[in-house]
Amino acid sequence: MKDSANYKDYALLSYHHIPGVHNLDVFERAGGYETMKACLEKDPEAIKEEVKLSGLRGRGGAGFATGVKWGFFTKDRNAKKYLLCNADESEPGTFKDRYLVEKNPHILIEGMIISAWALATQKGYIYIRGEFQQQAVILERAIKEAYAKGYLGKNILGKGFDFDLYVHRGAGAYICGEETGMISSLEGKKGQPKLKPPFPAIKGYRGLPTMVNNVESLAAIPWIMRFGALAYKQWGTDKSPGTKLFSISGDVNRPGVIEVPLSTSLKEIIEVHCGGMRDGNNLKAVIPGGSSAPVLNAEDSYNVRMDYEDVAAKGSMLGSGAIIVIDDTRNMGDILKWTLEFYHHESCGQCTPCREGTGWLESVFKRRESGKAHKSDIDLLDKTAASMRGQTICALADAAAMPTQGMIKVFREELEAYVSLSGKK
C-alpha cells in the first residue's frame, strides 16, 4: 500500500510518509497530539462510548472488542489502576507492532494518554519484547520528549490529570505475550500465565485493576477520536470494522507491513500490495494469522477475505494479521517441524498437557531423523494435538495443536511422504 499524505486515508500509517515523524516536533507539525488535547476536554465516558461504537477489536490476536473490554474496568476514578500496552510481539510472522514503534512511537503514546484519561489510570507500562532493543530505545526517547512537553507526568496540561509511562523490556519469552504471563513478568515473577477469572481488568498488576491492550489497538484510538466512530466504520464489515495492519512474509515479491480495510481479499493483498508470487512460482498455501493459525490451501487463500469471520469460516483465524505466504517449492513437513520446535521451546512448563504435549509432538514428528518414523505417526500427531486443545491455563498448547491438525487436514499425504523418507513404510 502506498503511503498517503491525507490524514484521513488510513488510521495508522497516515504519518509514515513524513520524514522524521518519530520526533515529537515533526509529529506535532503533522497534527499529532491535537486529538489528545481535545480529548482532555471531553467527558471520559464519552471517549469510552466512542471507542465502543467504533467496533475496534483487539489487534493482538484474540479480536475481542476494545470498547467492551474497557467496559469491564472500574469506573472509580480515584481507584489505583494501570494501563499496560502489549508490545511483546513474539508470534512468528508478526512484525507490525515493531514497525509502528520504529516509525511513529508518538502515535502509540498519544493513544495511551487518551486511553489513560478515559480509564482514569495513573500509570502505564509498555511491555516490549526483549529482542526489540532498538525499538525500546526509540520508545524511551519519545517518552522523554513527551514528558518534556508536559504531555506525561503530573497535572498534564493543567487538567489535574496525572499519567506516568514507562518502558519495560521482557526477556524473550513468547508466553509473556499472554496478558497474565506478561503481568507476572512485570511483577518480577516467572513469566507464567494465571488462571482466569479473575481477569486483569478486575485483578491484574499488583492485584489491582489493569487494562491490557495491544500496540495497534492503542495506536488506533487517536484517529477514532479525531474523526469519529462512524468514519472508522466506513471500512471493513459490521463485525470486523476498520483497517488492519498486516505483516506479510514468505514467498512474495514485496514483503512488509501494509494497512488495508478489514475484509480485503487475500488475493488482492498478495497480487496487488505484495507484487505477486516471488520468482513466478505458484501459491501452495498461506498461514493467515501467525504460526499458531491453521494453514489454508491455495484455493481457500485466493477466496478468503481478511476479516475475523471469513477467515474463521475457512477453518483458520485472523490472529495478529501475520500472513505467511508459501509457494510450491516448499515442503510442508519442514514448516511443521520448525513450528513444533518453536512451541516446544516456548512452553513455560506450567501445564502438563502443554509441557509434555509440545515435546511429544516435536519428538514424534522428528522420528524420521533417526530412521524410526512411520506413516501412522501422522495419526498419532493428530490424536495428541486433539487431546491438548482447551486443557491448559493459556492458549499455548492450542497454538501448537491447531497448526498441527490444520497441516494434517490439508497436507496429510505430503506429511506422510515426509516421515516415510526415513525408509519405513
Protein backbone atom coordinates (compact mmCIF):
# COMPACT_ATOMS: atom_id res chain seq x y z
CA MET A 1 0.00 0.00 0.00
CA LYS A 2 1.32 3.42 -0.86
CA ASP A 3 1.66 5.89 1.97
CA SER A 4 -0.81 8.75 1.77
CA ALA A 5 -0.39 12.42 2.59
CA ASN A 6 -4.07 12.64 3.55
CA TYR A 7 -4.50 12.18 7.30
CA LYS A 8 -7.94 10.67 6.80
CA ASP A 9 -6.91 7.98 4.35
CA TYR A 10 -5.82 5.44 6.94
CA ALA A 11 -5.95 5.17 10.69
CA LEU A 12 -2.41 4.03 11.49
CA LEU A 13 0.02 4.72 8.66
CA SER A 14 -1.21 8.24 7.92
CA TYR A 15 2.03 9.81 9.14
CA HIS A 16 4.53 7.28 7.88
CA HIS A 17 5.39 9.14 4.68
CA ILE A 18 6.67 12.11 6.71
CA PRO A 19 10.46 12.11 7.26
CA GLY A 20 11.42 12.29 10.92
CA VAL A 21 7.90 11.78 12.24
CA HIS A 22 9.31 9.73 15.11
CA ASN A 23 10.42 13.09 16.54
CA LEU A 24 7.83 14.92 18.62
CA ASP A 25 8.20 18.28 16.86
CA VAL A 26 7.66 16.73 13.44
CA PHE A 27 4.74 14.68 14.71
CA GLU A 28 3.13 17.80 16.17
CA ARG A 29 3.53 19.76 12.92
CA ALA A 30 1.61 16.95 11.21
CA GLY A 31 -1.25 17.27 13.71
CA GLY A 32 -0.02 14.87 16.37
CA TYR A 33 -1.22 15.30 19.96
CA GLU A 34 -4.01 17.68 18.87
CA THR A 35 -6.55 14.90 19.38
CA MET A 36 -5.14 14.18 22.83
CA LYS A 37 -5.52 17.84 23.80
CA ALA A 38 -9.11 17.83 22.57
CA CYS A 39 -9.87 14.61 24.43
CA LEU A 40 -8.74 16.08 27.73
CA GLU A 41 -11.68 18.47 27.34
CA LYS A 42 -14.11 15.60 26.86
CA ASP A 43 -16.06 13.53 29.35
CA PRO A 44 -14.09 10.27 29.80
CA GLU A 45 -17.30 8.29 29.47
CA ALA A 46 -17.92 9.86 26.07
CA ILE A 47 -14.49 8.67 24.91
CA LYS A 48 -15.20 5.12 26.06
CA GLU A 49 -18.56 5.18 24.31
CA GLU A 50 -16.98 6.39 21.05
CA VAL A 51 -14.40 3.60 21.13
CA LYS A 52 -17.16 1.07 21.81
CA LEU A 53 -19.27 2.47 18.98
CA SER A 54 -16.32 2.21 16.57
CA GLY A 55 -16.29 -1.56 16.93
CA LEU A 56 -12.49 -1.58 17.26
CA ARG A 57 -11.39 -5.12 18.04
CA GLY A 58 -8.19 -6.00 19.86
CA ARG A 59 -5.32 -6.32 17.41
CA GLY A 60 -3.16 -8.65 19.46
CA GLY A 61 -4.81 -11.79 18.10
CA ALA A 62 -7.94 -12.52 20.12
CA GLY A 63 -10.05 -9.86 18.37
CA PHE A 64 -12.13 -9.01 21.44
CA ALA A 65 -13.97 -5.67 21.21
CA THR A 66 -11.82 -2.98 22.82
CA GLY A 67 -14.73 -0.83 23.98
CA VAL A 68 -16.45 -3.82 25.59
CA LYS A 69 -13.21 -4.74 27.36
CA TRP A 70 -12.93 -1.17 28.64
CA GLY A 71 -16.46 -1.52 29.98
CA PHE A 72 -15.28 -4.19 32.45
CA PHE A 73 -12.90 -1.71 34.07
CA THR A 74 -13.84 0.00 37.31
CA LYS A 75 -15.36 3.47 36.83
CA ASP A 76 -13.99 4.68 40.15
CA ARG A 77 -11.68 7.48 39.01
CA ASN A 78 -9.97 7.56 42.40
CA ALA A 79 -9.04 3.89 42.39
CA LYS A 80 -5.43 2.95 41.73
CA LYS A 81 -5.16 1.10 38.44
CA TYR A 82 -2.86 0.52 35.49
CA LEU A 83 -2.76 0.64 31.69
CA LEU A 84 -0.49 -1.94 30.08
CA CYS A 85 0.49 -1.91 26.41
CA ASN A 86 1.33 -5.32 24.99
CA ALA A 87 4.37 -4.81 22.74
CA ASP A 88 5.70 -8.32 23.35
CA GLU A 89 5.32 -9.22 19.69
CA SER A 90 6.59 -12.80 19.59
CA GLU A 91 4.23 -14.68 17.26
CA PRO A 92 6.34 -15.94 14.35
CA GLY A 93 5.45 -13.99 11.23
CA THR A 94 4.29 -10.88 13.12
CA PHE A 95 6.17 -7.57 12.94
CA LYS A 96 3.51 -4.86 12.61
CA ASP A 97 3.87 -3.53 16.17
CA ARG A 98 7.63 -3.27 15.74
CA TYR A 99 7.05 -1.26 12.57
CA LEU A 100 4.65 1.12 14.32
CA VAL A 101 7.05 1.70 17.20
CA GLU A 102 10.00 2.27 14.88
CA LYS A 103 8.27 4.69 12.53
CA ASN A 104 5.92 6.59 14.83
CA PRO A 105 6.20 5.95 18.57
CA HIS A 106 4.23 9.10 19.36
CA ILE A 107 1.01 7.77 17.83
CA LEU A 108 1.15 5.00 20.44
CA ILE A 109 1.95 7.40 23.27
CA GLU A 110 -0.89 9.71 22.22
CA GLY A 111 -3.25 6.74 22.15
CA MET A 112 -2.15 5.67 25.61
CA ILE A 113 -2.65 9.16 27.07
CA ILE A 114 -6.18 9.34 25.64
CA SER A 115 -6.92 5.84 26.94
CA ALA A 116 -5.49 6.67 30.37
CA TRP A 117 -7.71 9.75 30.58
CA ALA A 118 -10.77 7.72 29.59
CA LEU A 119 -9.97 4.91 32.03
CA ALA A 120 -8.55 7.11 34.83
CA THR A 121 -5.28 5.18 35.04
CA GLN A 122 -2.39 6.97 36.69
CA LYS A 123 0.43 4.76 35.48
CA GLY A 124 1.17 2.85 32.30
CA TYR A 125 3.76 0.36 31.08
CA ILE A 126 4.78 -0.60 27.57
CA TYR A 127 5.95 -4.19 27.90
CA ILE A 128 8.22 -4.68 24.90
CA ARG A 129 9.78 -7.83 23.54
CA GLY A 130 13.33 -8.27 24.84
CA GLU A 131 14.80 -8.63 21.34
CA PHE A 132 13.40 -5.23 20.33
CA GLN A 133 16.38 -3.33 21.69
CA GLN A 134 16.39 -0.56 19.09
CA GLN A 135 12.63 -0.13 19.36
CA ALA A 136 12.84 0.16 23.15
CA VAL A 137 15.39 2.97 22.78
CA ILE A 138 13.10 4.75 20.29
CA LEU A 139 10.17 4.49 22.71
CA GLU A 140 12.19 5.70 25.69
CA ARG A 141 13.38 8.73 23.72
CA ALA A 142 9.83 9.53 22.60
CA ILE A 143 8.52 9.23 26.16
CA LYS A 144 11.25 11.58 27.35
CA GLU A 145 10.15 14.10 24.70
CA ALA A 146 6.53 13.79 25.82
CA TYR A 147 7.49 14.43 29.45
CA ALA A 148 9.48 17.49 28.45
CA LYS A 149 6.43 18.83 26.60
CA GLY A 150 4.15 18.29 29.58
CA TYR A 151 2.15 15.51 27.93
CA LEU A 152 3.17 13.00 30.60
CA GLY A 153 3.67 13.34 34.33
CA LYS A 154 1.79 15.39 36.88
CA ASN A 155 -1.13 17.69 36.11
CA ILE A 156 -0.96 17.16 32.34
CA LEU A 157 -1.76 20.41 30.51
CA GLY A 158 -3.19 21.80 33.71
CA LYS A 159 -6.11 19.35 33.71
CA GLY A 160 -5.40 17.81 37.10
CA PHE A 161 -4.65 14.55 35.31
CA ASP A 162 -1.55 12.53 36.21
CA PHE A 163 -0.15 9.80 34.00
CA ASP A 164 3.34 8.30 34.12
CA LEU A 165 4.53 5.97 31.37
CA TYR A 166 7.42 3.51 31.39
CA VAL A 167 9.03 1.00 29.04
CA HIS A 168 9.62 -2.46 30.48
CA ARG A 169 11.81 -4.84 28.49
CA GLY A 170 10.96 -8.52 28.50
CA ALA A 171 13.49 -11.33 28.31
CA GLY A 172 12.46 -13.01 25.07
CA ALA A 173 9.71 -15.34 26.29
CA TYR A 174 6.85 -15.96 23.85
CA ILE A 175 4.49 -16.76 26.70
CA CYS A 176 4.76 -13.21 28.08
CA GLY A 177 2.67 -12.05 25.14
CA GLU A 178 -0.27 -13.61 27.00
CA GLU A 179 -1.64 -10.87 29.23
CA THR A 180 -1.44 -12.64 32.59
CA GLY A 181 2.01 -14.06 31.81
CA MET A 182 3.07 -10.52 30.95
CA ILE A 183 1.72 -9.22 34.25
CA SER A 184 3.60 -11.94 36.15
CA SER A 185 6.82 -10.93 34.42
CA LEU A 186 6.17 -7.24 35.08
CA GLU A 187 5.76 -8.10 38.77
CA GLY A 188 9.21 -9.69 38.77
CA LYS A 189 7.91 -13.24 38.84
CA LYS A 190 8.41 -16.10 36.43
CA GLY A 191 6.56 -15.30 33.20
CA GLN A 192 3.74 -17.80 33.56
CA PRO A 193 0.04 -17.25 32.83
CA LYS A 194 -2.53 -17.15 35.62
CA LEU A 195 -5.94 -18.75 35.86
CA LYS A 196 -8.87 -16.56 34.81
CA PRO A 197 -11.12 -15.38 36.35
CA PRO A 198 -10.27 -13.01 37.89
CA PHE A 199 -9.45 -11.15 34.70
CA PRO A 200 -6.77 -8.43 34.71
CA ALA A 201 -9.41 -5.71 34.35
CA ILE A 202 -10.58 -6.74 37.83
CA LYS A 203 -7.36 -8.01 39.41
CA GLY A 204 -4.17 -7.55 37.42
CA TYR A 205 -0.79 -5.95 38.04
CA ARG A 206 -0.03 -5.96 41.79
CA GLY A 207 -3.54 -7.25 42.36
CA LEU A 208 -5.10 -4.02 41.07
CA PRO A 209 -7.35 -3.35 38.05
CA THR A 210 -5.24 -3.43 34.89
CA MET A 211 -6.25 -2.76 31.30
CA VAL A 212 -4.11 -4.60 28.72
CA ASN A 213 -4.28 -3.53 25.07
CA ASN A 214 -2.12 -4.22 22.03
CA VAL A 215 0.11 -1.60 20.35
CA GLU A 216 -2.05 -1.45 17.23
CA SER A 217 -5.27 -1.17 19.25
CA LEU A 218 -4.00 1.79 21.28
CA ALA A 219 -2.47 3.48 18.23
CA ALA A 220 -5.90 3.45 16.52
CA ILE A 221 -7.53 5.47 19.33
CA PRO A 222 -6.38 8.97 18.19
CA TRP A 223 -7.84 8.51 14.69
CA ILE A 224 -11.14 7.23 16.07
CA MET A 225 -11.40 10.15 18.46
CA ARG A 226 -10.42 12.69 15.79
CA PHE A 227 -12.78 11.59 13.04
CA GLY A 228 -15.36 9.59 14.95
CA ALA A 229 -16.59 6.04 15.21
CA LEU A 230 -18.79 6.25 12.13
CA ALA A 231 -15.85 7.36 9.98
CA TYR A 232 -13.85 4.39 11.27
CA LYS A 233 -16.69 2.05 10.37
CA GLN A 234 -16.58 3.17 6.73
CA TRP A 235 -14.02 0.38 6.36
CA GLY A 236 -14.45 -3.34 6.91
CA THR A 237 -17.67 -5.10 7.85
CA ASP A 238 -20.26 -4.73 10.59
CA LYS A 239 -18.50 -7.33 12.74
CA SER A 240 -14.95 -6.51 11.64
CA PRO A 241 -14.85 -2.73 11.17
CA GLY A 242 -11.88 -0.50 10.46
CA THR A 243 -8.47 -1.02 8.93
CA LYS A 244 -5.86 -3.58 9.89
CA LEU A 245 -2.10 -3.81 9.73
CA PHE A 246 -0.87 -7.00 8.11
CA SER A 247 2.68 -8.35 8.40
CA ILE A 248 3.43 -10.21 5.18
CA SER A 249 6.40 -12.53 4.82
CA GLY A 250 7.37 -15.51 2.74
CA ASP A 251 7.36 -16.08 -0.99
CA VAL A 252 6.11 -12.74 -2.32
CA ASN A 253 7.94 -10.03 -4.22
CA ARG A 254 7.27 -7.27 -1.69
CA PRO A 255 7.00 -8.50 1.90
CA GLY A 256 6.41 -5.92 4.63
CA VAL A 257 3.66 -4.15 6.57
CA ILE A 258 0.56 -2.78 4.89
CA GLU A 259 -2.66 -1.20 6.13
CA VAL A 260 -5.85 -2.13 4.33
CA PRO A 261 -9.53 -2.24 5.27
CA LEU A 262 -10.60 -5.42 7.02
CA SER A 263 -12.31 -7.78 4.56
CA THR A 264 -9.79 -7.01 1.80
CA SER A 265 -9.28 -10.21 -0.17
CA LEU A 266 -6.08 -12.14 0.44
CA LYS A 267 -5.72 -12.42 -3.32
CA GLU A 268 -5.57 -8.62 -3.59
CA ILE A 269 -3.05 -8.42 -0.77
CA ILE A 270 -0.75 -10.95 -2.46
CA GLU A 271 -1.12 -9.85 -6.06
CA VAL A 272 -1.52 -6.07 -5.72
CA HIS A 273 0.06 -4.94 -2.45
CA CYS A 274 2.84 -7.54 -2.44
CA GLY A 275 3.51 -7.67 -6.17
CA GLY A 276 2.62 -11.31 -6.65
CA MET A 277 4.49 -14.53 -6.01
CA ARG A 278 8.28 -14.46 -5.97
CA ASP A 279 10.16 -15.90 -8.95
CA GLY A 280 6.86 -16.62 -10.69
CA ASN A 281 6.21 -19.66 -8.53
CA ASN A 282 2.71 -20.89 -7.77
CA LEU A 283 0.93 -20.34 -4.47
CA LYS A 284 0.77 -23.51 -2.39
CA ALA A 285 -0.57 -22.34 0.98
CA VAL A 286 -0.96 -19.39 3.32
CA ILE A 287 -0.81 -19.19 7.10
CA PRO A 288 -3.11 -16.18 7.57
CA GLY A 289 -2.70 -15.21 11.23
CA GLY A 290 0.76 -16.12 12.50
CA SER A 291 2.30 -19.53 13.15
CA SER A 292 -0.47 -20.65 15.51
CA ALA A 293 -3.15 -20.31 12.81
CA PRO A 294 -4.17 -23.36 10.76
CA VAL A 295 -2.90 -23.30 7.18
CA LEU A 296 -5.10 -22.56 4.15
CA ASN A 297 -4.60 -24.26 0.81
CA ALA A 298 -4.15 -22.20 -2.36
CA GLU A 299 -7.82 -22.30 -3.34
CA ASP A 300 -9.09 -21.09 0.03
CA SER A 301 -6.32 -18.49 0.19
CA TYR A 302 -7.44 -16.92 -3.08
CA ASN A 303 -11.08 -16.93 -1.96
CA VAL A 304 -10.83 -15.61 1.60
CA ARG A 305 -11.50 -12.09 2.82
CA MET A 306 -9.19 -10.95 5.58
CA ASP A 307 -11.62 -10.33 8.40
CA TYR A 308 -12.26 -12.28 11.59
CA GLU A 309 -15.40 -14.04 10.38
CA ASP A 310 -14.42 -15.07 6.86
CA VAL A 311 -11.01 -16.43 7.86
CA ALA A 312 -12.72 -18.44 10.63
CA ALA A 313 -15.26 -19.75 8.12
CA LYS A 314 -12.35 -21.12 6.08
CA GLY A 315 -11.09 -23.02 9.11
CA SER A 316 -8.33 -20.71 10.31
CA MET A 317 -8.07 -17.44 12.23
CA LEU A 318 -7.05 -13.86 11.53
CA GLY A 319 -4.93 -13.76 14.68
CA SER A 320 -2.38 -10.97 14.71
CA GLY A 321 -2.62 -10.46 10.95
CA ALA A 322 0.66 -12.20 10.17
CA ILE A 323 0.35 -13.54 6.63
CA ILE A 324 2.97 -16.17 5.75
CA VAL A 325 2.87 -16.96 2.02
CA ILE A 326 4.18 -20.36 0.91
CA ASP A 327 4.95 -21.30 -2.69
CA ASP A 328 5.08 -24.70 -4.36
CA THR A 329 8.82 -25.15 -3.84
CA ARG A 330 8.34 -25.53 -0.07
CA ASN A 331 7.96 -28.78 1.85
CA MET A 332 5.13 -28.57 4.38
CA GLY A 333 6.88 -31.16 6.55
CA ASP A 334 9.76 -28.77 7.13
CA ILE A 335 7.37 -25.97 8.02
CA LEU A 336 5.52 -28.12 10.56
CA LYS A 337 8.81 -29.34 12.05
CA TRP A 338 10.02 -25.76 12.63
CA THR A 339 6.65 -24.80 14.09
CA LEU A 340 6.68 -27.68 16.58
CA GLU A 341 10.27 -26.94 17.60
CA PHE A 342 9.27 -23.37 18.38
CA TYR A 343 6.26 -24.16 20.55
CA HIS A 344 8.07 -26.88 22.48
CA HIS A 345 10.89 -24.45 23.20
CA GLU A 346 8.50 -21.68 24.27
CA SER A 347 6.24 -23.69 26.58
CA CYS A 348 6.61 -22.33 30.11
CA GLY A 349 6.12 -25.83 31.52
CA GLN A 350 3.34 -24.91 33.92
CA CYS A 351 0.61 -27.16 32.47
CA THR A 352 1.23 -30.86 31.85
CA PRO A 353 -0.73 -31.11 28.55
CA CYS A 354 1.42 -28.30 27.14
CA ARG A 355 4.76 -29.18 28.70
CA GLU A 356 4.53 -32.85 27.71
CA GLY A 357 2.33 -32.42 24.65
CA THR A 358 4.51 -29.94 22.79
CA GLY A 359 7.56 -32.10 23.45
CA TRP A 360 5.73 -35.21 22.31
CA LEU A 361 4.56 -33.55 19.09
CA GLU A 362 8.08 -32.48 18.25
CA SER A 363 9.73 -35.79 19.10
CA VAL A 364 7.19 -37.87 17.19
CA PHE A 365 7.45 -35.74 14.10
CA LYS A 366 11.25 -35.79 14.18
CA ARG A 367 11.49 -39.59 14.38
CA ARG A 368 12.35 -39.52 10.68
CA GLU A 369 15.73 -38.04 11.57
CA SER A 370 16.68 -41.27 13.34
CA GLY A 371 15.02 -43.52 10.76
CA LYS A 372 12.21 -44.55 13.12
CA ALA A 373 9.24 -42.77 11.57
CA HIS A 374 6.12 -44.40 10.19
CA LYS A 375 3.11 -43.10 8.26
CA SER A 376 0.94 -43.88 11.28
CA ASP A 377 2.84 -41.19 13.20
CA ILE A 378 0.64 -38.63 11.46
CA ASP A 379 -2.46 -40.13 13.07
CA LEU A 380 -0.65 -40.12 16.42
CA LEU A 381 0.18 -36.45 15.96
CA ASP A 382 -3.44 -35.66 15.17
CA LYS A 383 -4.71 -37.56 18.22
CA THR A 384 -2.14 -35.97 20.53
CA ALA A 385 -2.90 -32.47 19.28
CA ALA A 386 -6.63 -33.00 19.79
CA SER A 387 -6.05 -34.05 23.41
CA MET A 388 -4.08 -30.85 24.12
CA ARG A 389 -6.67 -28.32 23.00
CA GLY A 390 -8.57 -26.45 25.68
CA GLN A 391 -6.78 -28.22 28.52
CA THR A 392 -4.35 -25.55 29.73
CA ILE A 393 -4.30 -22.22 31.54
CA CYS A 394 -3.34 -20.26 28.42
CA ALA A 395 -3.59 -20.98 24.71
CA LEU A 396 -0.01 -22.07 24.01
CA ALA A 397 -0.97 -25.75 23.82
CA ASP A 398 -3.69 -24.78 21.35
CA ALA A 399 -1.14 -22.71 19.43
CA ALA A 400 0.89 -25.86 18.84
CA ALA A 401 -2.09 -28.17 18.31
CA MET A 402 -4.05 -26.05 15.82
CA PRO A 403 -1.33 -25.73 13.14
CA THR A 404 -0.55 -29.42 13.59
CA GLN A 405 -4.12 -30.50 12.96
CA GLY A 406 -4.56 -27.90 10.25
CA MET A 407 -1.47 -29.11 8.40
CA ILE A 408 -2.61 -32.73 8.67
CA LYS A 409 -6.07 -31.84 7.38
CA VAL A 410 -4.79 -30.02 4.30
CA PHE A 411 -1.48 -31.76 3.54
CA ARG A 412 -1.78 -35.25 5.02
CA GLU A 413 -0.32 -37.07 2.01
CA GLU A 414 2.68 -34.77 1.88
CA LEU A 415 3.33 -35.22 5.60
CA GLU A 416 3.03 -39.00 5.33
CA ALA A 417 5.55 -38.94 2.50
CA TYR A 418 7.78 -36.68 4.54
CA VAL A 419 8.00 -39.03 7.53
CA SER A 420 8.33 -42.04 5.22
CA LEU A 421 11.61 -40.64 3.93
CA SER A 422 13.18 -42.34 6.95
CA GLY A 423 12.93 -45.56 4.99
CA LYS A 424 9.99 -47.19 6.79
CA LYS A 425 6.57 -47.70 5.20
